[in-house]
Amino acid sequence: MHNFADRLHAAIQNKKTPALVGLDPRFDWLPAEIVSAAEATHSSKADIVAAAFEEFCFRIIDVVAPLVPAVKPQAAFFEEWGPAGCAALQRVIKKARDAGLVVICDAKRGDIGSTAEAYARGYLAGENPDSALWAADCLTVNPYLGSDTLEPFVNVAVERGAGIYVLVRTSNPGAGTFQDRKTDGTNLYECVAAAVEELALKTKGAGHYGSIGAVVGATYPEELNQLRALMPHTPLLVPGYGSQGAGAGDVAGAFDEQGLGAIINSSRGINFAIRKAPYSEKFAPEEWEQAIEAATHDMIADLATHTPAGNLQ
């Protein structure tokens, strides 16, 4: 069985980029052709939306699979639409795995005991997609309940060659309300980081990094640099690039000298590139797939130019 971090970094080296494409379908923003096709073949709103989401994500995967190592479907957008949406998410994950992509399911699960184990066994397939019904390589996890939240996820991840990314310092504006609270002079997010680094050390494969990672937002670059130093063996998932305002320079501190150790997410900026300049000026609305491809190439080039990810080229 191959370690998740080793598999992820092999994929990053193969594609020569740490760019991660989030899959965040929003019905009101979907191309008209996809909505019309879904409406022609389904009757209920939930079935229409689920079918449209599936087709949209399938076509994004077809565009980006040759370019990036991984995708990150956001479970909430699918779950909103009930069983039909959840079935669509399952098929989107399978499509991405079949395309050779690493799949990080962004579901931010977190519980204790047998409940946490059930979440882990349901989502974390790891190296073998048939090991779990959701078939993800990796899952985002909320650590708020404490260390016994993480233990069942870690155990299943090790068993199956999967990974988890623990929320440490998130990119949203209100993150500091809880995460910056101090006890004995130490921020809460630093306490979480120390626990995650310990788990990463225990789950190292052949390489430098463990299979237990951390979510650290690009919108707080000083904290990102600090946390990279505090968690030298922890792979980082970095949201906030692009639509949330962070640039490539803000994420440079997430990487080691080889350009490894981090994966940088862009969701809306890729999915709906056609809605904004310069892509809205270069492409007609029906050329949204070309806009996605161009935006992905631009992200890859931006990271290569302004971060150590350029050493992957």
Protein backbone atom coordinates (compact mmCIF):
# COMPACT_ATOMS: atom_id res chain seq x y z
CA MET A 1 0.00 0.00 0.00
CA HIS A 2 1.31 3.43 -0.95
CA ASN A 3 1.30 6.32 1.51
CA PHE A 4 -1.11 9.15 0.62
CA ALA A 5 1.50 11.91 0.82
CA ASP A 6 3.83 9.91 -1.42
CA ARG A 7 1.03 9.37 -3.95
CA LEU A 8 0.03 13.03 -3.87
CA HIS A 9 3.55 14.28 -4.36
CA ALA A 10 4.14 11.81 -7.18
CA ALA A 11 1.04 13.23 -8.89
CA ILE A 12 2.25 16.79 -8.30
CA GLN A 13 5.65 15.94 -9.77
CA ASN A 14 4.04 14.18 -12.72
CA LYS A 15 1.90 17.22 -13.60
CA LYS A 16 4.67 19.63 -12.56
CA THR A 17 2.29 21.79 -10.57
CA PRO A 18 0.62 21.95 -7.14
CA ALA A 19 -2.54 23.54 -8.59
CA LEU A 20 -5.75 22.07 -7.19
CA VAL A 21 -9.10 22.65 -8.89
CA GLY A 22 -12.07 22.85 -6.57
CA LEU A 23 -15.41 21.65 -7.93
CA ASP A 24 -18.00 24.12 -6.63
CA PRO A 25 -21.05 23.98 -8.92
CA ARG A 26 -23.62 26.76 -8.48
CA PHE A 27 -26.83 26.30 -10.39
CA ASP A 28 -27.47 29.96 -11.18
CA TRP A 29 -24.02 30.28 -12.74
CA LEU A 30 -24.05 27.14 -14.90
CA PRO A 31 -23.82 27.36 -18.69
CA ALA A 32 -27.25 27.60 -20.31
CA GLU A 33 -26.66 24.52 -22.46
CA ILE A 34 -26.10 22.33 -19.38
CA VAL A 35 -29.20 23.62 -17.61
CA SER A 36 -31.34 23.13 -20.72
CA ALA A 37 -30.13 19.57 -21.19
CA ALA A 38 -30.89 18.71 -17.57
CA GLU A 39 -34.36 20.26 -17.78
CA ALA A 40 -35.09 18.26 -20.94
CA THR A 41 -34.40 14.93 -19.26
CA HIS A 42 -35.57 15.44 -15.66
CA SER A 43 -38.70 16.80 -14.01
CA SER A 44 -38.04 17.58 -10.34
CA LYS A 45 -35.81 20.51 -9.37
CA ALA A 46 -33.48 18.29 -7.35
CA ASP A 47 -32.98 15.89 -10.25
CA ILE A 48 -32.43 18.78 -12.68
CA VAL A 49 -29.82 20.42 -10.47
CA ALA A 50 -28.05 17.15 -9.70
CA ALA A 51 -27.86 16.21 -13.39
CA ALA A 52 -26.58 19.66 -14.29
CA PHE A 53 -23.95 19.59 -11.54
CA GLU A 54 -22.77 16.17 -12.67
CA GLU A 55 -22.45 17.18 -16.33
CA PHE A 56 -20.71 20.44 -15.42
CA CYS A 57 -18.18 18.74 -13.15
CA PHE A 58 -17.60 15.91 -15.63
CA ARG A 59 -16.68 18.43 -18.29
CA ILE A 60 -14.41 20.38 -15.94
CA ILE A 61 -12.64 17.12 -15.09
CA ASP A 62 -12.16 16.38 -18.79
CA VAL A 63 -10.51 19.79 -19.22
CA VAL A 64 -8.26 19.83 -16.15
CA ALA A 65 -7.27 16.16 -15.79
CA PRO A 66 -4.28 16.52 -18.15
CA LEU A 67 -3.14 19.67 -16.36
CA VAL A 68 -3.42 19.28 -12.57
CA PRO A 69 -2.82 16.50 -10.04
CA ALA A 70 -6.02 16.76 -8.00
CA VAL A 71 -9.56 18.07 -7.66
CA LYS A 72 -11.58 19.03 -4.57
CA PRO A 73 -15.34 18.56 -4.85
CA GLN A 74 -17.25 20.59 -2.25
CA ALA A 75 -19.79 18.17 -0.79
CA ALA A 76 -22.18 20.86 0.47
CA PHE A 77 -23.24 22.01 -2.98
CA PHE A 78 -24.30 18.45 -3.81
CA GLU A 79 -25.79 17.55 -0.43
CA GLU A 80 -28.14 20.54 -0.61
CA TRP A 81 -30.08 18.61 -3.25
CA GLY A 82 -30.63 15.48 -1.24
CA PRO A 83 -30.23 11.93 -2.55
CA ALA A 84 -29.97 13.05 -6.18
CA GLY A 85 -27.18 15.47 -5.34
CA CYS A 86 -25.32 12.92 -3.23
CA ALA A 87 -25.51 10.35 -6.03
CA ALA A 88 -24.13 12.97 -8.42
CA LEU A 89 -21.24 13.65 -6.03
CA GLN A 90 -20.41 9.96 -5.88
CA ARG A 91 -20.30 9.78 -9.67
CA VAL A 92 -18.19 12.94 -9.91
CA ILE A 93 -15.64 11.44 -7.50
CA LYS A 94 -15.57 8.22 -9.54
CA LYS A 95 -15.12 10.17 -12.77
CA ALA A 96 -12.17 12.05 -11.28
CA ARG A 97 -10.55 8.90 -9.94
CA ASP A 98 -11.01 7.18 -13.30
CA ALA A 99 -9.27 10.18 -14.88
CA GLY A 100 -6.24 9.56 -12.68
CA LEU A 101 -6.81 12.52 -10.37
CA VAL A 102 -6.32 12.58 -6.62
CA VAL A 103 -9.69 13.45 -5.05
CA ILE A 104 -9.95 15.52 -1.87
CA CYS A 105 -13.57 15.49 -0.72
CA ASP A 106 -14.23 18.76 1.07
CA ALA A 107 -16.88 17.72 3.59
CA LYS A 108 -15.29 18.98 6.84
CA ARG A 109 -16.50 16.03 8.88
CA GLY A 110 -15.71 15.74 12.58
CA ASP A 111 -17.07 13.55 15.36
CA ILE A 112 -15.90 11.03 17.93
CA GLY A 113 -15.78 7.28 18.40
CA SER A 114 -17.82 5.03 16.17
CA THR A 115 -19.45 8.02 14.43
CA ALA A 116 -16.09 9.41 13.32
CA GLU A 117 -15.06 5.93 12.18
CA ALA A 118 -18.23 5.65 10.13
CA TYR A 119 -17.50 8.96 8.40
CA ALA A 120 -13.94 7.83 7.76
CA ARG A 121 -14.92 4.42 6.37
CA GLY A 122 -17.63 5.97 4.22
CA TYR A 123 -15.44 8.61 2.60
CA LEU A 124 -11.85 7.40 2.67
CA ALA A 125 -11.12 4.85 -0.01
CA GLY A 126 -7.47 5.80 -0.26
CA GLU A 127 -5.44 3.97 -2.86
CA ASN A 128 -8.21 1.52 -3.83
CA PRO A 129 -11.37 3.37 -5.00
CA ASP A 130 -13.47 0.31 -4.18
CA SER A 131 -12.62 0.53 -0.46
CA ALA A 132 -15.33 3.13 0.29
CA LEU A 133 -18.61 4.13 -1.31
CA TRP A 134 -17.61 7.78 -1.63
CA ALA A 135 -14.21 6.64 -2.95
CA ALA A 136 -12.21 9.75 -2.04
CA ASP A 137 -8.44 9.72 -1.60
CA CYS A 138 -8.68 12.30 1.14
CA LEU A 139 -11.16 14.16 3.34
CA THR A 140 -11.19 17.49 5.15
CA VAL A 141 -11.77 17.10 8.90
CA ASN A 142 -12.89 19.52 11.61
CA PRO A 143 -10.88 18.95 14.84
CA TYR A 144 -13.06 21.02 17.18
CA LEU A 145 -14.13 18.03 19.34
CA GLY A 146 -10.51 17.23 20.19
CA SER A 147 -7.87 14.59 19.59
CA ASP A 148 -10.38 11.73 19.70
CA THR A 149 -12.03 13.35 16.67
CA LEU A 150 -8.89 12.74 14.66
CA GLU A 151 -7.92 9.25 15.82
CA PRO A 152 -10.56 7.24 13.86
CA PHE A 153 -9.84 9.22 10.69
CA VAL A 154 -6.11 8.69 11.09
CA ASN A 155 -6.55 4.95 11.65
CA VAL A 156 -8.65 4.48 8.51
CA ALA A 157 -6.32 6.70 6.50
CA VAL A 158 -3.32 4.59 7.48
CA GLU A 159 -5.21 1.37 6.83
CA ARG A 160 -6.27 2.39 3.32
CA GLY A 161 -3.48 4.63 2.10
CA ALA A 162 -5.75 7.67 2.38
CA GLY A 163 -5.20 11.13 3.81
CA ILE A 164 -6.97 13.81 5.79
CA TYR A 165 -6.59 17.57 5.91
CA VAL A 166 -7.36 19.00 9.35
CA LEU A 167 -8.72 22.55 9.62
CA VAL A 168 -5.96 24.55 11.30
CA ARG A 169 -6.11 28.17 10.06
CA THR A 170 -8.95 28.73 7.64
CA SER A 171 -9.27 31.46 5.00
CA ASN A 172 -12.63 32.99 5.99
CA PRO A 173 -12.78 36.51 7.46
CA GLY A 174 -14.18 35.36 10.81
CA ALA A 175 -11.62 32.61 11.37
CA GLY A 176 -9.90 34.49 14.15
CA THR A 177 -12.99 34.56 16.38
CA PHE A 178 -12.08 31.12 17.71
CA GLN A 179 -8.78 30.22 16.04
CA ASP A 180 -6.89 33.22 17.45
CA ARG A 181 -8.02 32.71 21.05
CA LYS A 182 -5.03 32.45 23.37
CA THR A 183 -4.39 30.09 26.26
CA ASP A 184 -1.11 30.55 28.14
CA GLY A 185 0.06 32.78 25.32
CA THR A 186 -0.61 30.23 22.58
CA ASN A 187 -3.20 30.61 19.84
CA LEU A 188 -5.73 27.84 19.44
CA TYR A 189 -4.67 27.26 15.85
CA GLU A 190 -1.09 26.71 17.03
CA CYS A 191 -2.28 24.03 19.45
CA VAL A 192 -4.11 22.28 16.61
CA ALA A 193 -1.04 22.62 14.40
CA ALA A 194 1.17 20.92 17.00
CA ALA A 195 -1.23 17.97 17.22
CA VAL A 196 -1.41 17.67 13.44
CA GLU A 197 2.38 17.75 13.06
CA GLU A 198 2.69 14.94 15.59
CA LEU A 199 0.24 12.83 13.58
CA ALA A 200 2.00 13.68 10.33
CA LEU A 201 5.30 12.43 11.76
CA LYS A 202 3.66 9.16 12.74
CA THR A 203 2.24 8.61 9.24
CA LYS A 204 5.28 9.35 7.10
CA GLY A 205 5.85 7.22 4.06
CA ALA A 206 9.00 7.06 1.98
CA GLY A 207 9.12 10.84 1.64
CA HIS A 208 9.39 13.76 4.03
CA TYR A 209 5.66 14.23 4.63
CA GLY A 210 2.97 12.34 6.50
CA SER A 211 -0.55 11.50 5.37
CA ILE A 212 -2.14 13.87 7.89
CA GLY A 213 -2.30 17.36 6.45
CA ALA A 214 -3.54 20.80 7.44
CA VAL A 215 -5.85 23.35 5.88
CA VAL A 216 -4.15 26.74 6.12
CA GLY A 217 -5.69 29.71 4.30
CA ALA A 218 -3.76 31.84 1.84
CA THR A 219 -5.54 34.96 3.09
CA TYR A 220 -3.30 35.00 6.20
CA PRO A 221 0.21 34.75 4.68
CA GLU A 222 2.08 35.54 7.90
CA GLU A 223 0.31 32.73 9.72
CA LEU A 224 0.89 30.48 6.71
CA ASN A 225 4.64 31.04 6.93
CA GLN A 226 4.55 30.49 10.68
CA LEU A 227 2.58 27.27 10.35
CA ARG A 228 4.86 25.90 7.65
CA ALA A 229 7.69 26.23 10.16
CA LEU A 230 5.62 24.66 12.95
CA MET A 231 4.52 21.74 10.75
CA PRO A 232 7.54 20.76 8.63
CA HIS A 233 6.23 17.23 7.94
CA THR A 234 2.61 18.21 7.29
CA PRO A 235 1.26 18.61 3.75
CA LEU A 236 -0.78 21.79 3.43
CA LEU A 237 -4.04 22.38 1.61
CA VAL A 238 -4.20 26.11 0.92
CA PRO A 239 -7.55 27.70 0.02
CA GLY A 240 -8.07 31.40 -0.64
CA TYR A 241 -6.08 31.80 -3.87
CA GLY A 242 -7.89 33.68 -6.62
CA SER A 243 -11.49 34.61 -5.92
CA GLN A 244 -10.90 35.01 -2.16
CA GLY A 245 -8.19 37.56 -2.84
CA ALA A 246 -4.85 35.85 -2.24
CA GLY A 247 -2.16 35.80 -4.91
CA ALA A 248 0.71 33.46 -5.66
CA GLY A 249 3.08 35.51 -3.54
CA ASP A 250 0.84 34.94 -0.53
CA VAL A 251 1.19 31.15 -0.79
CA ALA A 252 4.92 30.94 -1.52
CA GLY A 253 5.74 30.15 2.11
CA ALA A 254 3.68 26.96 2.01
CA PHE A 255 6.28 25.10 -0.07
CA ASP A 256 9.60 23.47 0.54
CA GLU A 257 12.57 24.20 -1.72
CA GLN A 258 11.53 21.51 -4.19
CA GLY A 259 8.07 23.03 -4.64
CA LEU A 260 6.41 20.25 -2.65
CA GLY A 261 4.54 20.16 0.65
CA ALA A 262 1.47 22.12 -0.42
CA ILE A 263 -1.40 22.10 -2.85
CA ILE A 264 -3.11 25.39 -3.76
CA ASN A 265 -6.84 25.48 -4.40
CA SER A 266 -8.85 27.60 -6.80
CA SER A 267 -12.56 26.88 -7.22
CA ARG A 268 -14.74 29.71 -8.54
CA GLY A 269 -11.82 31.31 -10.34
CA ILE A 270 -11.50 28.18 -12.48
CA ASN A 271 -15.06 26.83 -12.58
CA PHE A 272 -16.58 30.13 -13.62
CA ALA A 273 -13.66 31.81 -15.32
CA ILE A 274 -15.95 32.80 -18.21
CA ARG A 275 -17.78 35.23 -15.89
CA LYS A 276 -14.81 37.57 -15.38
CA ALA A 277 -12.08 39.37 -17.27
CA PRO A 278 -9.85 38.59 -19.02
CA TYR A 279 -11.62 35.36 -19.99
CA SER A 280 -15.02 36.98 -20.56
CA GLU A 281 -13.31 39.23 -23.11
CA LYS A 282 -11.44 36.42 -24.86
CA PHE A 283 -14.17 33.80 -25.06
CA ALA A 284 -17.86 33.67 -25.97
CA PRO A 285 -20.21 32.40 -23.22
CA GLU A 286 -20.49 29.00 -24.90
CA GLU A 287 -16.67 28.70 -24.84
CA TRP A 288 -16.65 28.31 -21.05
CA GLU A 289 -14.53 25.16 -21.26
CA GLN A 290 -11.82 27.04 -23.14
CA ALA A 291 -11.98 29.71 -20.42
CA ILE A 292 -11.49 27.03 -17.74
CA GLU A 293 -8.50 25.64 -19.59
CA ALA A 294 -6.96 29.09 -19.99
CA ALA A 295 -7.54 29.98 -16.34
CA THR A 296 -5.96 26.71 -15.23
CA HIS A 297 -2.90 27.32 -17.39
CA ASP A 298 -2.65 30.84 -15.98
CA MET A 299 -2.82 29.57 -12.39
CA ILE A 300 -0.13 26.97 -13.09
CA ALA A 301 2.11 29.64 -14.63
CA ASP A 302 1.45 32.09 -11.77
CA LEU A 303 2.43 29.53 -9.14
CA ALA A 304 5.51 28.51 -11.12
CA THR A 305 6.65 32.12 -11.46
CA HIS A 306 6.07 33.36 -7.93
CA THR A 307 6.56 30.30 -5.69
CA PRO A 308 9.04 27.42 -5.32
CA ALA A 309 6.56 25.39 -7.42
CA GLY A 310 8.60 26.67 -10.35
CA ASN A 311 11.20 24.07 -9.41
CA LEU A 312 8.74 21.38 -10.50
CA GLN A 313 8.79 22.60 -14.10
